[in-house]
């Protein structure tokens, strides 16, 4: 498992995602799975950076492991921000026009529908989100 810690800042989101995608590309994962993982990580990390620390500074810890034999990647994202379990977030109402719908929740909904597994836990005052994507 490879792990690293980066400051939770919008301008560093690509730096949070790139190591995982670079490693995935080195095992020749298909483009669709790579794109979906990129989208999922971006949605998760934008939420962490935007909301977890409520305007204060904080870090994001990212760990990943690529299992070539089972063609899957596991990514664990940790932050010490306010508690939030995205797996329990209510799915947005997709009926009606964009103007009629309540804002928020679409990113988490997308993540839950494009990854193969998602688990949340709160351990030692940290949000721990684990996602698995098959490639």
Protein backbone atom coordinates (compact mmCIF):
# COMPACT_ATOMS: atom_id res chain seq x y z
CA UNK A 1 0.00 0.00 0.00
CA UNK A 2 1.28 3.44 -0.96
CA UNK A 3 0.37 6.35 1.35
CA UNK A 4 0.87 10.09 1.31
CA UNK A 5 -0.50 13.21 3.02
CA UNK A 6 -1.35 16.49 1.30
CA UNK A 7 -2.82 19.76 2.56
CA UNK A 8 -6.57 19.96 1.98
CA UNK A 9 -6.57 22.74 -0.61
CA UNK A 10 -8.47 23.03 -3.88
CA UNK A 11 -5.34 23.79 -5.87
CA UNK A 12 -3.76 20.51 -4.67
CA UNK A 13 -6.59 18.15 -5.69
CA UNK A 14 -4.74 17.02 -8.85
CA UNK A 15 -1.69 16.27 -6.67
CA UNK A 16 -3.91 14.07 -4.52
CA UNK A 17 -5.33 12.13 -7.48
CA UNK A 18 -2.38 11.87 -9.90
CA UNK A 19 -0.30 9.28 -8.00
CA UNK A 20 -3.24 6.86 -7.94
CA UNK A 21 -4.03 7.34 -11.62
CA UNK A 22 -0.36 7.09 -12.62
CA UNK A 23 -0.06 3.78 -10.78
CA UNK A 24 -3.28 2.55 -12.36
CA UNK A 25 -2.02 3.46 -15.82
CA UNK A 26 1.19 1.51 -15.18
CA UNK A 27 -0.88 -1.70 -14.89
CA UNK A 28 -2.72 -0.83 -18.10
CA UNK A 29 -6.17 -0.46 -16.58
CA UNK A 30 -8.90 0.25 -19.10
CA UNK A 31 -9.68 3.89 -19.80
CA UNK A 32 -13.29 3.73 -18.60
CA UNK A 33 -12.31 2.42 -15.16
CA UNK A 34 -9.53 5.01 -14.89
CA UNK A 35 -11.91 7.81 -15.84
CA UNK A 36 -14.53 6.63 -13.35
CA UNK A 37 -11.94 6.39 -10.57
CA UNK A 38 -10.70 9.88 -11.43
CA UNK A 39 -14.24 11.24 -11.26
CA UNK A 40 -14.96 9.46 -7.96
CA UNK A 41 -11.74 10.69 -6.34
CA UNK A 42 -12.30 14.22 -7.56
CA UNK A 43 -15.85 14.31 -6.17
CA UNK A 44 -14.74 12.91 -2.81
CA UNK A 45 -11.73 15.18 -2.48
CA UNK A 46 -13.60 18.33 -3.51
CA UNK A 47 -16.08 17.56 -0.72
CA UNK A 48 -13.29 17.00 1.82
CA UNK A 49 -11.48 20.19 0.84
CA UNK A 50 -14.69 22.23 0.72
CA UNK A 51 -16.47 21.02 3.85
CA UNK A 52 -14.43 18.83 6.21
CA UNK A 53 -12.39 21.53 7.88
CA UNK A 54 -14.98 24.33 7.75
CA UNK A 55 -12.51 26.93 6.44
CA UNK A 56 -9.63 25.85 8.67
CA UNK A 57 -6.45 24.12 7.51
CA UNK A 58 -6.22 20.37 7.47
CA UNK A 59 -4.66 17.41 5.73
CA UNK A 60 -5.90 14.59 3.55
CA UNK A 61 -4.25 11.19 3.81
CA UNK A 62 -4.50 8.96 0.75
CA UNK A 63 -3.49 5.32 0.57
CA UNK A 64 -3.93 3.02 -2.37
CA UNK A 65 -3.23 -0.56 -3.29
CA UNK A 66 -3.50 -2.07 -6.75
CA UNK A 67 -4.33 -5.76 -6.91
CA UNK A 68 -3.27 -6.79 -10.42
CA UNK A 69 -4.40 -10.39 -10.08
CA UNK A 70 -7.98 -9.38 -9.15
CA UNK A 71 -7.89 -6.25 -11.33
CA UNK A 72 -8.99 -3.82 -8.65
CA UNK A 73 -7.67 -0.77 -6.85
CA UNK A 74 -8.51 0.14 -3.27
CA UNK A 75 -8.18 3.79 -2.21
CA UNK A 76 -8.49 4.94 1.39
CA UNK A 77 -9.05 8.64 2.06
CA UNK A 78 -8.74 9.99 5.60
CA UNK A 79 -9.34 13.42 7.03
CA UNK A 80 -9.64 14.81 10.56
CA UNK A 81 -12.50 17.11 9.70
CA UNK A 82 -16.07 17.06 10.94
CA UNK A 83 -17.74 13.68 10.86
CA UNK A 84 -19.52 12.88 7.60
CA UNK A 85 -20.59 9.50 6.27
CA UNK A 86 -21.19 9.83 2.51
CA UNK A 87 -22.57 6.28 2.34
CA UNK A 88 -25.58 7.48 4.34
CA UNK A 89 -26.15 10.61 2.28
CA UNK A 90 -29.64 10.76 0.87
CA UNK A 91 -29.78 10.25 -2.90
CA UNK A 92 -30.79 13.42 -4.72
CA UNK A 93 -34.13 13.77 -6.43
CA UNK A 94 -33.38 13.31 -10.13
CA UNK A 95 -36.90 14.17 -11.26
CA UNK A 96 -37.77 17.48 -12.85
CA UNK A 97 -35.52 20.20 -14.20
CA UNK A 98 -32.24 21.31 -12.66
CA UNK A 99 -33.96 24.48 -11.40
CA UNK A 100 -36.57 22.41 -9.56
CA UNK A 101 -34.10 20.12 -7.81
CA UNK A 102 -32.41 20.77 -4.49
CA UNK A 103 -28.71 21.60 -4.83
CA UNK A 104 -26.21 19.10 -3.45
CA UNK A 105 -25.75 15.38 -3.17
CA UNK A 106 -25.23 14.63 -6.85
CA UNK A 107 -21.47 14.09 -6.53
CA UNK A 108 -21.85 11.53 -3.74
CA UNK A 109 -24.62 9.83 -5.71
CA UNK A 110 -22.32 9.56 -8.73
CA UNK A 111 -19.49 8.15 -6.60
CA UNK A 112 -21.76 5.50 -5.05
CA UNK A 113 -22.84 4.44 -8.54
CA UNK A 114 -19.45 4.25 -10.29
CA UNK A 115 -17.30 2.53 -7.69
CA UNK A 116 -17.61 -1.17 -6.96
CA UNK A 117 -17.53 -0.82 -3.19
CA UNK A 118 -17.60 2.05 -0.73
CA UNK A 119 -17.21 1.89 3.06
CA UNK A 120 -17.06 4.57 5.71
CA UNK A 121 -15.88 4.48 9.28
CA UNK A 122 -14.95 7.02 11.93
CA UNK A 123 -11.71 5.96 13.60
CA UNK A 124 -9.77 8.05 16.14
CA UNK A 125 -11.60 11.25 15.16
CA UNK A 126 -10.92 10.65 11.47
CA UNK A 127 -13.27 10.11 8.56
CA UNK A 128 -12.05 6.99 6.77
CA UNK A 129 -13.53 6.36 3.34
CA UNK A 130 -12.53 3.27 1.41
CA UNK A 131 -13.47 2.81 -2.22
CA UNK A 132 -12.76 -0.11 -4.53
CA UNK A 133 -12.82 0.11 -8.31
CA UNK A 134 -12.36 -2.86 -10.62
CA UNK A 135 -10.40 -2.34 -13.80
